[in-house]
Amino acid sequence: MDTSTACGICFKKGIKVYPVKVGGTWRVEVKEEGQKAIRYKKPLKEGTDTGKALEATYIFLAKKIIKKQNDSI
């Protein structure tokens, strides 16, 4: 699955993934509509590591959404 498809699936479900600066490091935070934001504990390096982590998180969440939809059928 490519990143743009994964982002589209997540956006339709009201899920946003973004980096947050915590102290001297960056972390990934996930916010769903009507839910409290979840911040992952793994620190990221600035630059490409952050971008790759956001892409991987969007793809992971999109696959989870698709699996949940297929299981409910």
PDB file of N, CA and C in Angstrom:
ATOM      1  N   MET A   1       0.857  -1.175   0.000  1.00  0.00           N
ATOM      2  CA  MET A   1       0.000   0.000   0.000  1.00  0.00           C
ATOM      3  C   MET A   1       0.902   1.236   0.000  1.00  0.00           C
ATOM      4  N   ASP A   2       0.541   2.212  -0.831  1.00  0.00           N
ATOM      5  CA  ASP A   2       1.348   3.434  -0.838  1.00  0.00           C
ATOM      6  C   ASP A   2       0.841   4.436   0.200  1.00  0.00           C
ATOM      7  N   THR A   3       1.659   5.426   0.461  1.00  0.00           N
ATOM      8  CA  THR A   3       1.376   6.378   1.529  1.00  0.00           C
ATOM      9  C   THR A   3       0.133   7.221   1.247  1.00  0.00           C
ATOM     10  N   SER A   4      -0.045   7.655  -0.002  1.00  0.00           N
ATOM     11  CA  SER A   4      -1.190   8.516  -0.301  1.00  0.00           C
ATOM     12  C   SER A   4      -2.518   7.777  -0.113  1.00  0.00           C
ATOM     13  N   THR A   5      -2.567   6.505  -0.474  1.00  0.00           N
ATOM     14  CA  THR A   5      -3.771   5.705  -0.262  1.00  0.00           C
ATOM     15  C   THR A   5      -4.042   5.541   1.230  1.00  0.00           C
ATOM     16  N   ALA A   6      -2.979   5.241   1.980  1.00  0.00           N
ATOM     17  CA  ALA A   6      -3.113   5.068   3.428  1.00  0.00           C
ATOM     18  C   ALA A   6      -3.589   6.349   4.097  1.00  0.00           C
ATOM     19  N   CYS A   7      -3.033   7.483   3.678  1.00  0.00           N
ATOM     20  CA  CYS A   7      -3.452   8.768   4.248  1.00  0.00           C
ATOM     21  C   CYS A   7      -4.922   9.034   3.944  1.00  0.00           C
ATOM     22  N   GLY A   8      -5.350   8.745   2.711  1.00  0.00           N
ATOM     23  CA  GLY A   8      -6.750   8.949   2.338  1.00  0.00           C
ATOM     24  C   GLY A   8      -7.700   8.131   3.195  1.00  0.00           C
ATOM     25  N   ILE A   9      -7.340   6.867   3.443  1.00  0.00           N
ATOM     26  CA  ILE A   9      -8.178   6.001   4.273  1.00  0.00           C
ATOM     27  C   ILE A   9      -8.260   6.553   5.691  1.00  0.00           C
ATOM     28  N   CYS A  10      -7.118   6.965   6.218  1.00  0.00           N
ATOM     29  CA  CYS A  10      -7.084   7.489   7.590  1.00  0.00           C
ATOM     30  C   CYS A  10      -7.844   8.815   7.703  1.00  0.00           C
ATOM     31  N   PHE A  11      -7.668   9.700   6.720  1.00  0.00           N
ATOM     32  CA  PHE A  11      -8.358  10.997   6.769  1.00  0.00           C
ATOM     33  C   PHE A  11      -9.873  10.814   6.734  1.00  0.00           C
ATOM     34  N   LYS A  12     -10.353   9.855   5.938  1.00  0.00           N
ATOM     35  CA  LYS A  12     -11.796   9.603   5.868  1.00  0.00           C
ATOM     36  C   LYS A  12     -12.353   9.129   7.201  1.00  0.00           C
ATOM     37  N   LYS A  13     -11.520   8.452   7.989  1.00  0.00           N
ATOM     38  CA  LYS A  13     -11.934   7.974   9.311  1.00  0.00           C
ATOM     39  C   LYS A  13     -11.627   8.988  10.416  1.00  0.00           C
ATOM     40  N   GLY A  14     -11.082  10.153  10.038  1.00  0.00           N
ATOM     41  CA  GLY A  14     -10.806  11.191  11.025  1.00  0.00           C
ATOM     42  C   GLY A  14      -9.551  10.946  11.850  1.00  0.00           C
ATOM     43  N   ILE A  15      -8.588  10.218  11.283  1.00  0.00           N
ATOM     44  CA  ILE A  15      -7.339   9.916  11.985  1.00  0.00           C
ATOM     45  C   ILE A  15      -6.227  10.803  11.437  1.00  0.00           C
ATOM     46  N   LYS A  16      -5.504  11.450  12.341  1.00  0.00           N
ATOM     47  CA  LYS A  16      -4.381  12.305  11.961  1.00  0.00           C
ATOM     48  C   LYS A  16      -3.129  11.814  12.672  1.00  0.00           C
ATOM     49  N   VAL A  17      -2.022  11.779  11.944  1.00  0.00           N
ATOM     50  CA  VAL A  17      -0.728  11.373  12.491  1.00  0.00           C
ATOM     51  C   VAL A  17       0.235  12.539  12.275  1.00  0.00           C
ATOM     52  N   TYR A  18       0.935  12.935  13.327  1.00  0.00           N
ATOM     53  CA  TYR A  18       1.834  14.081  13.210  1.00  0.00           C
ATOM     54  C   TYR A  18       2.973  13.979  14.226  1.00  0.00           C
ATOM     55  N   PRO A  19       4.098  14.667  13.946  1.00  0.00           N
ATOM     56  CA  PRO A  19       5.212  14.660  14.890  1.00  0.00           C
ATOM     57  C   PRO A  19       5.013  15.710  15.977  1.00  0.00           C
ATOM     58  N   VAL A  20       5.505  15.407  17.177  1.00  0.00           N
ATOM     59  CA  VAL A  20       5.410  16.319  18.318  1.00  0.00           C
ATOM     60  C   VAL A  20       6.799  16.404  18.951  1.00  0.00           C
ATOM     61  N   LYS A  21       7.244  17.608  19.235  1.00  0.00           N
ATOM     62  CA  LYS A  21       8.546  17.789  19.881  1.00  0.00           C
ATOM     63  C   LYS A  21       8.369  17.611  21.388  1.00  0.00           C
ATOM     64  N   VAL A  22       9.131  16.675  21.961  1.00  0.00           N
ATOM     65  CA  VAL A  22       9.089  16.401  23.393  1.00  0.00           C
ATOM     66  C   VAL A  22      10.521  16.528  23.903  1.00  0.00           C
ATOM     67  N   GLY A  23      10.782  17.591  24.632  1.00  0.00           N
ATOM     68  CA  GLY A  23      12.150  17.827  25.083  1.00  0.00           C
ATOM     69  C   GLY A  23      13.048  18.062  23.890  1.00  0.00           C
ATOM     70  N   GLY A  24      14.084  17.256  23.759  1.00  0.00           N
ATOM     71  CA  GLY A  24      15.009  17.397  22.634  1.00  0.00           C
ATOM     72  C   GLY A  24      14.753  16.409  21.522  1.00  0.00           C
ATOM     73  N   THR A  25      13.677  15.633  21.609  1.00  0.00           N
ATOM     74  CA  THR A  25      13.397  14.622  20.586  1.00  0.00           C
ATOM     75  C   THR A  25      12.003  14.810  19.993  1.00  0.00           C
ATOM     76  N   TRP A  26      11.743  14.073  18.939  1.00  0.00           N
ATOM     77  CA  TRP A  26      10.437  14.063  18.295  1.00  0.00           C
ATOM     78  C   TRP A  26       9.759  12.734  18.550  1.00  0.00           C
ATOM     79  N   ARG A  27       8.447  12.761  18.667  1.00  0.00           N
ATOM     80  CA  ARG A  27       7.629  11.556  18.852  1.00  0.00           C
ATOM     81  C   ARG A  27       6.462  11.619  17.870  1.00  0.00           C
ATOM     82  N   VAL A  28       5.904  10.464  17.570  1.00  0.00           N
ATOM     83  CA  VAL A  28       4.723  10.379  16.711  1.00  0.00           C
ATOM     84  C   VAL A  28       3.491  10.406  17.599  1.00  0.00           C
ATOM     85  N   GLU A  29       2.504  11.221  17.197  1.00  0.00           N
ATOM     86  CA  GLU A  29       1.251  11.295  17.928  1.00  0.00           C
ATOM     87  C   GLU A  29       0.111  11.002  16.961  1.00  0.00           C
ATOM     88  N   VAL A  30      -0.871  10.232  17.419  1.00  0.00           N
ATOM     89  CA  VAL A  30      -2.034   9.852  16.603  1.00  0.00           C
ATOM     90  C   VAL A  30      -3.284  10.384  17.280  1.00  0.00           C
ATOM     91  N   LYS A  31      -4.120  11.091  16.519  1.00  0.00           N
ATOM     92  CA  LYS A  31      -5.359  11.673  17.053  1.00  0.00           C
ATOM     93  C   LYS A  31      -6.525  11.190  16.208  1.00  0.00           C
ATOM     94  N   GLU A  32      -7.480  10.543  16.860  1.00  0.00           N
ATOM     95  CA  GLU A  32      -8.721  10.123  16.205  1.00  0.00           C
ATOM     96  C   GLU A  32      -9.829  11.065  16.643  1.00  0.00           C
ATOM     97  N   GLU A  33     -10.817  11.262  15.762  1.00  0.00           N
ATOM     98  CA  GLU A  33     -11.946  12.129  16.103  1.00  0.00           C
ATOM     99  C   GLU A  33     -12.617  11.644  17.375  1.00  0.00           C
ATOM    100  N   GLY A  34     -12.822  12.557  18.313  1.00  0.00           N
ATOM    101  CA  GLY A  34     -13.525  12.227  19.540  1.00  0.00           C
ATOM    102  C   GLY A  34     -12.706  11.420  20.530  1.00  0.00           C
ATOM    103  N   GLN A  35     -11.438  11.224  20.279  1.00  0.00           N
ATOM    104  CA  GLN A  35     -10.576  10.441  21.159  1.00  0.00           C
ATOM    105  C   GLN A  35      -9.406  11.300  21.646  1.00  0.00           C
ATOM    106  N   LYS A  36      -8.805  10.859  22.723  1.00  0.00           N
ATOM    107  CA  LYS A  36      -7.610  11.522  23.236  1.00  0.00           C
ATOM    108  C   LYS A  36      -6.422  11.101  22.363  1.00  0.00           C
ATOM    109  N   ALA A  37      -5.499  12.031  22.119  1.00  0.00           N
ATOM    110  CA  ALA A  37      -4.321  11.730  21.302  1.00  0.00           C
ATOM    111  C   ALA A  37      -3.440  10.690  21.987  1.00  0.00           C
ATOM    112  N   ILE A  38      -2.864   9.808  21.181  1.00  0.00           N
ATOM    113  CA  ILE A  38      -1.946   8.783  21.670  1.00  0.00           C
ATOM    114  C   ILE A  38      -0.547   9.152  21.189  1.00  0.00           C
ATOM    115  N   ARG A  39       0.391   9.246  22.121  1.00  0.00           N
ATOM    116  CA  ARG A  39       1.776   9.578  21.779  1.00  0.00           C
ATOM    117  C   ARG A  39       2.646   8.347  21.970  1.00  0.00           C
ATOM    118  N   TYR A  40       3.351   7.960  20.900  1.00  0.00           N
ATOM    119  CA  TYR A  40       4.254   6.821  20.980  1.00  0.00           C
ATOM    120  C   TYR A  40       5.520   7.211  21.736  1.00  0.00           C
ATOM    121  N   LYS A  41       6.089   6.254  22.452  1.00  0.00           N
ATOM    122  CA  LYS A  41       7.228   6.531  23.326  1.00  0.00           C
ATOM    123  C   LYS A  41       8.568   6.534  22.608  1.00  0.00           C
ATOM    124  N   LYS A  42       8.645   5.883  21.452  1.00  0.00           N
ATOM    125  CA  LYS A  42       9.921   5.764  20.748  1.00  0.00           C
ATOM    126  C   LYS A  42      10.375   7.125  20.219  1.00  0.00           C
ATOM    127  N   PRO A  43      11.554   7.613  20.646  1.00  0.00           N
ATOM    128  CA  PRO A  43      12.056   8.899  20.137  1.00  0.00           C
ATOM    129  C   PRO A  43      12.546   8.751  18.693  1.00  0.00           C
ATOM    130  N   LEU A  44      12.379   9.803  17.912  1.00  0.00           N
ATOM    131  CA  LEU A  44      12.785   9.813  16.507  1.00  0.00           C
ATOM    132  C   LEU A  44      13.903  10.813  16.290  1.00  0.00           C
ATOM    133  N   LYS A  45      14.706  10.555  15.276  1.00  0.00           N
ATOM    134  CA  LYS A  45      15.717  11.528  14.873  1.00  0.00           C
ATOM    135  C   LYS A  45      15.046  12.505  13.922  1.00  0.00           C
ATOM    136  N   GLU A  46      15.540  13.731  13.880  1.00  0.00           N
ATOM    137  CA  GLU A  46      14.955  14.710  12.968  1.00  0.00           C
ATOM    138  C   GLU A  46      15.274  14.324  11.530  1.00  0.00           C
ATOM    139  N   GLY A  47      14.434  14.736  10.623  1.00  0.00           N
ATOM    140  CA  GLY A  47      14.679  14.505   9.202  1.00  0.00           C
ATOM    141  C   GLY A  47      13.962  13.288   8.676  1.00  0.00           C
ATOM    142  N   THR A  48      14.700  12.431   7.977  1.00  0.00           N
ATOM    143  CA  THR A  48      14.085  11.303   7.280  1.00  0.00           C
ATOM    144  C   THR A  48      13.465  10.289   8.229  1.00  0.00           C
ATOM    145  N   ASP A  49      14.028  10.133   9.420  1.00  0.00           N
ATOM    146  CA  ASP A  49      13.473   9.165  10.378  1.00  0.00           C
ATOM    147  C   ASP A  49      12.040   9.543  10.746  1.00  0.00           C
ATOM    148  N   THR A  50      11.796  10.821  10.928  1.00  0.00           N
ATOM    149  CA  THR A  50      10.457  11.294  11.277  1.00  0.00           C
ATOM    150  C   THR A  50       9.482  11.044  10.129  1.00  0.00           C
ATOM    151  N   GLY A  51       9.881  11.378   8.921  1.00  0.00           N
ATOM    152  CA  GLY A  51       9.020  11.167   7.756  1.00  0.00           C
ATOM    153  C   GLY A  51       8.685   9.703   7.543  1.00  0.00           C
ATOM    154  N   LYS A  52       9.688   8.841   7.678  1.00  0.00           N
ATOM    155  CA  LYS A  52       9.471   7.404   7.503  1.00  0.00           C
ATOM    156  C   LYS A  52       8.545   6.856   8.587  1.00  0.00           C
ATOM    157  N   ALA A  53       8.698   7.360   9.800  1.00  0.00           N
ATOM    158  CA  ALA A  53       7.846   6.905  10.902  1.00  0.00           C
ATOM    159  C   ALA A  53       6.392   7.308  10.662  1.00  0.00           C
ATOM    160  N   LEU A  54       6.161   8.521  10.158  1.00  0.00           N
ATOM    161  CA  LEU A  54       4.792   8.958   9.873  1.00  0.00           C
ATOM    162  C   LEU A  54       4.181   8.114   8.758  1.00  0.00           C
ATOM    163  N   GLU A  55       4.956   7.849   7.700  1.00  0.00           N
ATOM    164  CA  GLU A  55       4.467   7.008   6.606  1.00  0.00           C
ATOM    165  C   GLU A  55       4.103   5.611   7.110  1.00  0.00           C
ATOM    166  N   ALA A  56       4.998   5.020   7.884  1.00  0.00           N
ATOM    167  CA  ALA A  56       4.762   3.667   8.394  1.00  0.00           C
ATOM    168  C   ALA A  56       3.535   3.621   9.301  1.00  0.00           C
ATOM    169  N   THR A  57       3.330   4.673  10.085  1.00  0.00           N
ATOM    170  CA  THR A  57       2.177   4.720  10.989  1.00  0.00           C
ATOM    171  C   THR A  57       0.875   4.829  10.199  1.00  0.00           C
ATOM    172  N   TYR A  58       0.852   5.688   9.173  1.00  0.00           N
ATOM    173  CA  TYR A  58      -0.346   5.803   8.333  1.00  0.00           C
ATOM    174  C   TYR A  58      -0.669   4.473   7.659  1.00  0.00           C
ATOM    175  N   ILE A  59       0.336   3.798   7.124  1.00  0.00           N
ATOM    176  CA  ILE A  59       0.116   2.520   6.445  1.00  0.00           C
ATOM    177  C   ILE A  59      -0.392   1.474   7.437  1.00  0.00           C
ATOM    178  N   PHE A  60       0.211   1.417   8.612  1.00  0.00           N
ATOM    179  CA  PHE A  60      -0.214   0.472   9.648  1.00  0.00           C
ATOM    180  C   PHE A  60      -1.680   0.703  10.022  1.00  0.00           C
ATOM    181  N   LEU A  61      -2.041   1.966  10.266  1.00  0.00           N
ATOM    182  CA  LEU A  61      -3.415   2.276  10.672  1.00  0.00           C
ATOM    183  C   LEU A  61      -4.415   1.992   9.556  1.00  0.00           C
ATOM    184  N   ALA A  62      -4.040   2.285   8.297  1.00  0.00           N
ATOM    185  CA  ALA A  62      -4.934   2.017   7.163  1.00  0.00           C
ATOM    186  C   ALA A  62      -5.181   0.520   7.017  1.00  0.00           C
ATOM    187  N   LYS A  63      -4.133  -0.288   7.154  1.00  0.00           N
ATOM    188  CA  LYS A  63      -4.299  -1.742   7.074  1.00  0.00           C
ATOM    189  C   LYS A  63      -5.186  -2.249   8.204  1.00  0.00           C
ATOM    190  N   LYS A  64      -5.048  -1.650   9.372  1.00  0.00           N
ATOM    191  CA  LYS A  64      -5.874  -2.023  10.524  1.00  0.00           C
ATOM    192  C   LYS A  64      -7.347  -1.693  10.253  1.00  0.00           C
ATOM    193  N   ILE A  65      -7.608  -0.542   9.640  1.00  0.00           N
ATOM    194  CA  ILE A  65      -8.978  -0.138   9.299  1.00  0.00           C
ATOM    195  C   ILE A  65      -9.576  -1.105   8.281  1.00  0.00           C
ATOM    196  N   ILE A  66      -8.800  -1.442   7.237  1.00  0.00           N
ATOM    197  CA  ILE A  66      -9.275  -2.364   6.203  1.00  0.00           C
ATOM    198  C   ILE A  66      -9.576  -3.735   6.800  1.00  0.00           C
ATOM    199  N   LYS A  67      -8.686  -4.221   7.657  1.00  0.00           N
ATOM    200  CA  LYS A  67      -8.896  -5.525   8.304  1.00  0.00           C
ATOM    201  C   LYS A  67     -10.157  -5.518   9.153  1.00  0.00           C
ATOM    202  N   LYS A  68     -10.374  -4.431   9.882  1.00  0.00           N
ATOM    203  CA  LYS A  68     -11.562  -4.316  10.730  1.00  0.00           C
ATOM    204  C   LYS A  68     -12.833  -4.316   9.865  1.00  0.00           C
ATOM    205  N   GLN A  69     -12.793  -3.615   8.729  1.00  0.00           N
ATOM    206  CA  GLN A  69     -13.954  -3.576   7.832  1.00  0.00           C
ATOM    207  C   GLN A  69     -14.219  -4.964   7.242  1.00  0.00           C
ATOM    208  N   ASN A  70     -13.158  -5.686   6.860  1.00  0.00           N
ATOM    209  CA  ASN A  70     -13.329  -7.022   6.281  1.00  0.00           C
ATOM    210  C   ASN A  70     -13.840  -8.022   7.320  1.00  0.00           C
ATOM    211  N   ASP A  71     -13.424  -7.861   8.559  1.00  0.00           N
ATOM    212  CA  ASP A  71     -13.875  -8.767   9.620  1.00  0.00           C
ATOM    213  C   ASP A  71     -15.339  -8.555   9.960  1.00  0.00           C
ATOM    214  N   SER A  72     -15.835  -7.331   9.767  1.00  0.00           N
ATOM    215  CA  SER A  72     -17.224  -7.042  10.115  1.00  0.00           C
ATOM    216  C   SER A  72     -18.217  -7.466   9.039  1.00  0.00           C
ATOM    217  N   ILE A  73     -17.704  -7.831   7.875  1.00  0.00           N
ATOM    218  CA  ILE A  73     -18.584  -8.254   6.778  1.00  0.00           C
ATOM    219  C   ILE A  73     -19.068  -9.657   6.960  1.00  0.00           C
TER     220      ILE A  73
END
